C-alpha atoms as a PDB file:
ATOM      1  CA  GLY A   1      -0.174  -0.021   0.051  1.00  0.00           C
ATOM      2  CA  MET A   2       2.822   2.560   0.755  1.00  0.00           C
ATOM      3  CA  THR A   3       4.715   1.733  -2.214  1.00  0.00           C
ATOM      4  CA  ALA A   4       1.409   2.213  -4.400  1.00  0.00           C
ATOM      5  CA  VAL A   5       0.702   5.568  -2.696  1.00  0.00           C
ATOM      6  CA  SER A   6       4.374   6.806  -3.135  1.00  0.00           C
ATOM      7  CA  THR A   7       4.134   5.600  -6.895  1.00  0.00           C
ATOM      8  CA  VAL A   8       0.900   7.436  -7.718  1.00  0.00           C
ATOM      9  CA  LEU A   9       2.230  10.570  -5.982  1.00  0.00           C
ATOM     10  CA  ALA A  10       5.775  10.421  -7.365  1.00  0.00           C
ATOM     11  CA  PRO A  11       4.903  12.360 -10.705  1.00  0.00           C
ATOM     12  CA  PHE A  12       3.367  15.221  -8.779  1.00  0.00           C
ATOM     13  CA  LEU A  13       5.467  15.328  -5.604  1.00  0.00           C
ATOM     14  CA  THR A  14       9.015  14.817  -7.081  1.00  0.00           C
ATOM     15  CA  PRO A  15       8.989  17.837  -9.388  1.00  0.00           C
ATOM     16  CA  LEU A  16       7.376  20.076  -6.917  1.00  0.00           C
ATOM     17  CA  LEU A  17       9.894  18.997  -3.974  1.00  0.00           C
ATOM     18  CA  THR A  18      12.746  19.443  -6.550  1.00  0.00           C
ATOM     19  CA  TYR A  19      11.624  22.857  -7.265  1.00  0.00           C
ATOM     20  CA  VAL A  20      11.087  23.817  -3.770  1.00  0.00           C
ATOM     21  CA  TYR A  21      14.549  22.335  -2.627  1.00  0.00           C
ATOM     22  CA  ALA A  22      16.563  23.157  -5.617  1.00  0.00           C
ATOM     23  CA  GLY A  23      14.785  25.631  -7.749  1.00  0.00           C
ATOM     24  CA  ALA A  24      16.664  28.769  -6.689  1.00  0.00           C
ATOM     25  CA  LYS A  25      19.923  27.132  -7.845  1.00  0.00           C
ATOM     26  CA  VAL A  26      18.910  24.872 -10.572  1.00  0.00           C
ATOM     27  CA  ASP A  27      16.443  25.238 -13.467  1.00  0.00           C
ATOM     28  CA  VAL A  28      13.663  22.790 -12.757  1.00  0.00           C
ATOM     29  CA  ASN A  29      11.160  22.194 -15.555  1.00  0.00           C
ATOM     30  CA  MET A  30       8.272  20.681 -13.401  1.00  0.00           C
ATOM     31  CA  ALA A  31       6.021  19.858 -16.456  1.00  0.00           C
ATOM     32  CA  SER A  32       8.902  17.988 -18.237  1.00  0.00           C
ATOM     33  CA  MET A  33       9.990  16.204 -15.115  1.00  0.00           C
ATOM     34  CA  PHE A  34       6.316  14.975 -14.532  1.00  0.00           C
ATOM     35  CA  LEU A  35       6.118  13.834 -18.159  1.00  0.00           C
ATOM     36  CA  SER A  36       9.451  11.950 -17.456  1.00  0.00           C
ATOM     37  CA  ILE A  37       8.140  10.282 -14.363  1.00  0.00           C
ATOM     38  CA  ILE A  38       5.008   9.216 -16.070  1.00  0.00           C
ATOM     39  CA  LYS A  39       7.079   7.545 -18.812  1.00  0.00           C
ATOM     40  CA  VAL A  40       9.686   5.809 -16.566  1.00  0.00           C
ATOM     41  CA  VAL A  41       7.337   4.832 -13.758  1.00  0.00           C
ATOM     42  CA  ILE A  42       3.599   4.859 -14.353  1.00  0.00           C
ATOM     43  CA  VAL A  43       3.668   3.752 -18.115  1.00  0.00           C
ATOM     44  CA  PRO A  44       5.695   0.623 -17.348  1.00  0.00           C
ATOM     45  CA  ILE A  45       3.531  -0.249 -14.480  1.00  0.00           C
ATOM     46  CA  ALA A  46       0.216   0.089 -16.544  1.00  0.00           C
ATOM     47  CA  ALA A  47       1.812  -1.692 -19.348  1.00  0.00           C
ATOM     48  CA  GLY A  48       2.518  -4.504 -17.019  1.00  0.00           C
ATOM     49  CA  PHE A  49      -1.181  -4.618 -15.854  1.00  0.00           C
ATOM     50  CA  ILE A  50      -2.550  -4.554 -19.305  1.00  0.00           C
ATOM     51  CA  ILE A  51      -0.009  -7.220 -20.611  1.00  0.00           C
ATOM     52  CA  ASN A  52      -0.755  -9.438 -17.644  1.00  0.00           C
ATOM     53  CA  HIS A  53      -4.639  -8.967 -18.069  1.00  0.00           C
ATOM     54  CA  PHE A  54      -4.450  -9.866 -21.825  1.00  0.00           C
ATOM     55  CA  PHE A  55      -1.642 -12.420 -22.035  1.00  0.00           C
ATOM     56  CA  SER A  56      -1.647 -13.911 -18.616  1.00  0.00           C
ATOM     57  CA  ARG A  57      -0.498 -17.271 -19.771  1.00  0.00           C
ATOM     58  CA  PHE A  58       2.515 -15.718 -21.357  1.00  0.00           C
ATOM     59  CA  THR A  59       3.290 -13.706 -18.343  1.00  0.00           C
ATOM     60  CA  GLN A  60       3.028 -16.608 -16.101  1.00  0.00           C
ATOM     61  CA  ASN A  61       5.703 -18.516 -18.346  1.00  0.00           C
ATOM     62  CA  VAL A  62       8.171 -15.559 -18.196  1.00  0.00           C
ATOM     63  CA  VAL A  63       7.680 -14.108 -14.776  1.00  0.00           C
ATOM     64  CA  GLU A  64      10.624 -16.001 -13.372  1.00  0.00           C
ATOM     65  CA  ILE A  65      12.919 -14.482 -15.915  1.00  0.00           C
ATOM     66  CA  LEU A  66      11.735 -10.786 -15.745  1.00  0.00           C
ATOM     67  CA  PRO A  67      13.513  -9.906 -12.432  1.00  0.00           C
ATOM     68  CA  LEU A  68      16.866 -11.052 -13.981  1.00  0.00           C
ATOM     69  CA  ILE A  69      16.088  -8.870 -17.187  1.00  0.00           C
ATOM     70  CA  SER A  70      15.421  -5.747 -14.985  1.00  0.00           C
ATOM     71  CA  THR A  71      18.201  -6.401 -12.581  1.00  0.00           C
ATOM     72  CA  THR A  72      20.556  -6.737 -15.487  1.00  0.00           C
ATOM     73  CA  ALA A  73      19.514  -3.514 -17.082  1.00  0.00           C
ATOM     74  CA  ILE A  74      19.854  -1.686 -13.997  1.00  0.00           C
ATOM     75  CA  VAL A  75      23.181  -3.269 -13.257  1.00  0.00           C
ATOM     76  CA  ALA A  76      24.396  -2.190 -16.665  1.00  0.00           C
ATOM     77  CA  ILE A  77      23.151   1.461 -16.242  1.00  0.00           C
ATOM     78  CA  VAL A  78      24.546   1.822 -12.720  1.00  0.00           C
ATOM     79  CA  ALA A  79      27.999   0.181 -13.864  1.00  0.00           C
ATOM     80  CA  ALA A  80      28.271   2.678 -16.587  1.00  0.00           C
ATOM     81  CA  VAL A  81      27.644   5.635 -14.381  1.00  0.00           C
ATOM     82  CA  VAL A  82      29.810   4.288 -11.542  1.00  0.00           C
ATOM     83  CA  SER A  83      32.732   3.214 -13.761  1.00  0.00           C
ATOM     84  CA  ALA A  84      32.918   6.474 -15.477  1.00  0.00           C
ATOM     85  CA  ASN A  85      33.054   8.457 -12.239  1.00  0.00           C
ATOM     86  CA  SER A  86      34.780   5.927  -9.872  1.00  0.00           C
ATOM     87  CA  SER A  87      37.605   8.379  -8.868  1.00  0.00           C
ATOM     88  CA  LYS A  88      35.081  11.253  -8.210  1.00  0.00           C
ATOM     89  CA  ILE A  89      32.924   8.921  -6.038  1.00  0.00           C
ATOM     90  CA  MET A  90      35.656   7.830  -3.769  1.00  0.00           C
ATOM     91  CA  THR A  91      37.180  11.417  -3.391  1.00  0.00           C
ATOM     92  CA  SER A  92      33.872  13.490  -2.958  1.00  0.00           C
ATOM     93  CA  GLY A  93      32.606  11.959   0.299  1.00  0.00           C
ATOM     94  CA  LEU A  94      29.475  10.999  -1.641  1.00  0.00           C
ATOM     95  CA  LEU A  95      29.614   7.498  -0.589  1.00  0.00           C
ATOM     96  CA  GLY A  96      29.306   8.542   3.078  1.00  0.00           C
ATOM     97  CA  VAL A  97      26.312  10.824   2.316  1.00  0.00           C
ATOM     98  CA  VAL A  98      24.394   8.093   0.637  1.00  0.00           C
ATOM     99  CA  ILE A  99      25.207   5.515   3.401  1.00  0.00           C
ATOM    100  CA  LEU A 100      23.906   8.070   5.817  1.00  0.00           C
ATOM    101  CA  HIS A 101      20.844   8.949   3.791  1.00  0.00           C
ATOM    102  CA  ASN A 102      19.973   5.279   3.555  1.00  0.00           C
ATOM    103  CA  VAL A 103      20.552   4.257   7.227  1.00  0.00           C
ATOM    104  CA  LEU A 104      18.591   7.401   8.488  1.00  0.00           C
ATOM    105  CA  GLY A 105      15.658   6.265   6.052  1.00  0.00           C
ATOM    106  CA  TYR A 106      15.754   2.698   7.778  1.00  0.00           C
ATOM    107  CA  PHE A 107      16.188   4.153  11.252  1.00  0.00           C
ATOM    108  CA  LEU A 108      13.269   6.780  10.930  1.00  0.00           C
ATOM    109  CA  GLY A 109      11.017   4.553   9.351  1.00  0.00           C
ATOM    110  CA  PHE A 110      11.267   1.940  12.012  1.00  0.00           C
ATOM    111  CA  SER A 111      11.161   4.658  14.788  1.00  0.00           C
ATOM    112  CA  ILE A 112       8.148   6.415  13.393  1.00  0.00           C
ATOM    113  CA  GLY A 113       6.439   2.945  13.329  1.00  0.00           C
ATOM    114  CA  LYS A 114       7.351   2.495  16.938  1.00  0.00           C
ATOM    115  CA  LEU A 115       6.034   5.895  17.782  1.00  0.00           C
ATOM    116  CA  LEU A 116       2.742   5.044  16.294  1.00  0.00           C
ATOM    117  CA  LYS A 117       2.716   1.844  18.304  1.00  0.00           C
ATOM    118  CA  LEU A 118       2.631  -0.462  15.372  1.00  0.00           C
ATOM    119  CA  ASP A 119       3.701  -4.032  15.640  1.00  0.00           C
ATOM    120  CA  SER A 120       7.323  -4.987  14.676  1.00  0.00           C
ATOM    121  CA  SER A 121       6.479  -6.442  11.344  1.00  0.00           C
ATOM    122  CA  LYS A 122       4.813  -3.092  10.204  1.00  0.00           C
ATOM    123  CA  CYS A 123       7.740  -1.254  11.732  1.00  0.00           C
ATOM    124  CA  ARG A 124      10.047  -3.388   9.450  1.00  0.00           C
ATOM    125  CA  ALA A 125       8.085  -2.758   6.499  1.00  0.00           C
ATOM    126  CA  ILE A 126       7.976   1.091   7.035  1.00  0.00           C
ATOM    127  CA  SER A 127      11.678   0.971   7.668  1.00  0.00           C
ATOM    128  CA  ILE A 128      12.423  -0.778   4.308  1.00  0.00           C
ATOM    129  CA  GLU A 129       9.930   1.433   2.441  1.00  0.00           C
ATOM    130  CA  VAL A 130      11.546   4.612   3.764  1.00  0.00           C
ATOM    131  CA  GLY A 131      15.066   3.436   3.480  1.00  0.00           C
ATOM    132  CA  MET A 132      14.729   2.161  -0.048  1.00  0.00           C
ATOM    133  CA  GLN A 133      14.502   4.477  -2.929  1.00  0.00           C
ATOM    134  CA  ASN A 134      13.938   4.404  -6.645  1.00  0.00           C
ATOM    135  CA  SER A 135      17.515   5.059  -7.478  1.00  0.00           C
ATOM    136  CA  GLY A 136      16.874   4.129 -11.037  1.00  0.00           C
ATOM    137  CA  LEU A 137      14.287   6.919 -11.366  1.00  0.00           C
ATOM    138  CA  ALA A 138      16.733   9.341  -9.664  1.00  0.00           C
ATOM    139  CA  THR A 139      19.646   8.606 -12.307  1.00  0.00           C
ATOM    140  CA  SER A 140      17.193   8.660 -15.119  1.00  0.00           C
ATOM    141  CA  LEU A 141      15.798  12.120 -14.142  1.00  0.00           C
ATOM    142  CA  ALA A 142      19.391  13.501 -13.265  1.00  0.00           C
ATOM    143  CA  ALA A 143      20.537  12.310 -16.868  1.00  0.00           C
ATOM    144  CA  THR A 144      17.452  13.750 -18.440  1.00  0.00           C
ATOM    145  CA  HIS A 145      16.950  17.076 -16.588  1.00  0.00           C
ATOM    146  CA  PHE A 146      20.350  17.988 -15.177  1.00  0.00           C
ATOM    147  CA  VAL A 147      22.426  17.495 -18.269  1.00  0.00           C
ATOM    148  CA  GLN A 148      24.413  20.581 -17.476  1.00  0.00           C
ATOM    149  CA  TYR A 149      25.605  18.934 -14.107  1.00  0.00           C
ATOM    150  CA  PRO A 150      27.538  15.870 -15.217  1.00  0.00           C
ATOM    151  CA  LEU A 151      27.983  14.594 -11.687  1.00  0.00           C
ATOM    152  CA  ALA A 152      24.142  14.757 -11.019  1.00  0.00           C
ATOM    153  CA  THR A 153      23.759  10.999 -12.050  1.00  0.00           C
ATOM    154  CA  ILE A 154      26.269   9.776  -9.540  1.00  0.00           C
ATOM    155  CA  PRO A 155      24.245   9.865  -6.364  1.00  0.00           C
ATOM    156  CA  GLY A 156      21.497   7.789  -7.845  1.00  0.00           C
ATOM    157  CA  ALA A 157      23.964   5.235  -9.184  1.00  0.00           C
ATOM    158  CA  VAL A 158      25.883   5.059  -6.002  1.00  0.00           C
ATOM    159  CA  PHE A 159      22.677   4.624  -4.126  1.00  0.00           C
ATOM    160  CA  SER A 160      21.456   1.824  -6.334  1.00  0.00           C
ATOM    161  CA  VAL A 161      24.786  -0.268  -5.479  1.00  0.00           C
ATOM    162  CA  TRP A 162      24.535   0.603  -1.746  1.00  0.00           C
ATOM    163  CA  HIS A 163      20.998   0.147  -0.935  1.00  0.00           C
ATOM    164  CA  ASN A 164      20.827  -3.191  -2.724  1.00  0.00           C
ATOM    165  CA  ILE A 165      23.529  -4.489  -0.372  1.00  0.00           C
ATOM    166  CA  SER A 166      22.149  -2.738   2.839  1.00  0.00           C
ATOM    167  CA  GLY A 167      18.550  -3.611   1.975  1.00  0.00           C
ATOM    168  CA  ALA A 168      19.723  -7.346   1.609  1.00  0.00           C
ATOM    169  CA  VAL A 169      21.543  -7.270   4.837  1.00  0.00           C
ATOM    170  CA  LEU A 170      18.693  -5.593   6.694  1.00  0.00           C
ATOM    171  CA  ALA A 171      16.025  -7.932   5.285  1.00  0.00           C
ATOM    172  CA  ASN A 172      18.159 -10.925   6.310  1.00  0.00           C
ATOM    173  CA  ILE A 173      18.512  -9.485   9.743  1.00  0.00           C
ATOM    174  CA  TYR A 174      14.725  -8.858   9.981  1.00  0.00           C
ATOM    175  CA  ALA A 175      13.876 -12.346   8.641  1.00  0.00           C
ATOM    176  CA  ARG A 176      16.244 -13.878  11.238  1.00  0.00           C
ATOM    177  CA  THR A 177      14.694 -12.052  14.083  1.00  0.00           C
ATOM    178  CA  ALA A 178      11.069 -11.945  12.756  1.00  0.00           C
ATOM    179  CA  GLY A 179       9.891 -13.854  16.040  1.00  0.00           C
ATOM    180  CA  GLN A 180      11.637 -11.443  18.471  1.00  0.00           C
ATOM    181  CA  ALA A 181      10.795  -7.812  19.305  1.00  0.00           C
ATOM    182  CA  GLY A 182      13.237  -6.831  16.715  1.00  0.00           C
ATOM    183  CA  PRO A 183      16.417  -4.693  16.971  1.00  0.00           C
ATOM    184  CA  ALA A 184      16.322  -0.935  15.895  1.00  0.00           C
ATOM    185  CA  PRO A 185      17.440  -0.604  12.306  1.00  0.00           C
ATOM    186  CA  SER A 186      20.511   1.327  13.349  1.00  0.00           C
ATOM    187  CA  SER A 187      21.959  -1.599  15.309  1.00  0.00           C
ATOM    188  CA  ALA A 188      20.790  -4.033  12.637  1.00  0.00           C
ATOM    189  CA  VAL A 189      22.459  -2.269   9.791  1.00  0.00           C
ATOM    190  CA  SER A 190      25.696  -1.736  11.812  1.00  0.00           C
ATOM    191  CA  GLU A 191      25.976  -5.598  12.426  1.00  0.00           C
ATOM    192  CA  GLY A 192      25.848  -6.165   8.701  1.00  0.00           C
ATOM    193  CA  GLN A 193      28.567  -3.594   7.810  1.00  0.00           C
END
């Protein structure tokens, strides 16, 4: 449910928040960014629903290989961005900022769930939802709308690599401790690092 709501709101809120946070320093074309998000996020989801509805027998036969195809495409894009900018990534402190952003997302998601007195399984779900971000979309938007800033694609690409590692570690920890009260994400992630 959280992912569905954030996906539906993304075309509206991403351009608006980009304009609010960066509009004074960077030219933000909100209408163009809205259309980009529709093309990159909403159209593929809608196409998936339509294809699944009309060709369900076919989709059931190929459903097991589709994650491999999408993962391969994302890895290829991220590898291209990271390899072209590897020296800048290591010297800019960007990796530390990306890790902090991700770990704070896990921690705040879990903490807000606890503050709302939700059970541990819901706290864990919120933690993952808040900590994991659509880094493919971030990289795509940066490459399309911030061409004048060649380093703009790097944070999304670095985040894509990092959050796949941290997300897997945290999900593993959450799975192993599912019957327990559950550690706070900050201690859980630090165990896996």
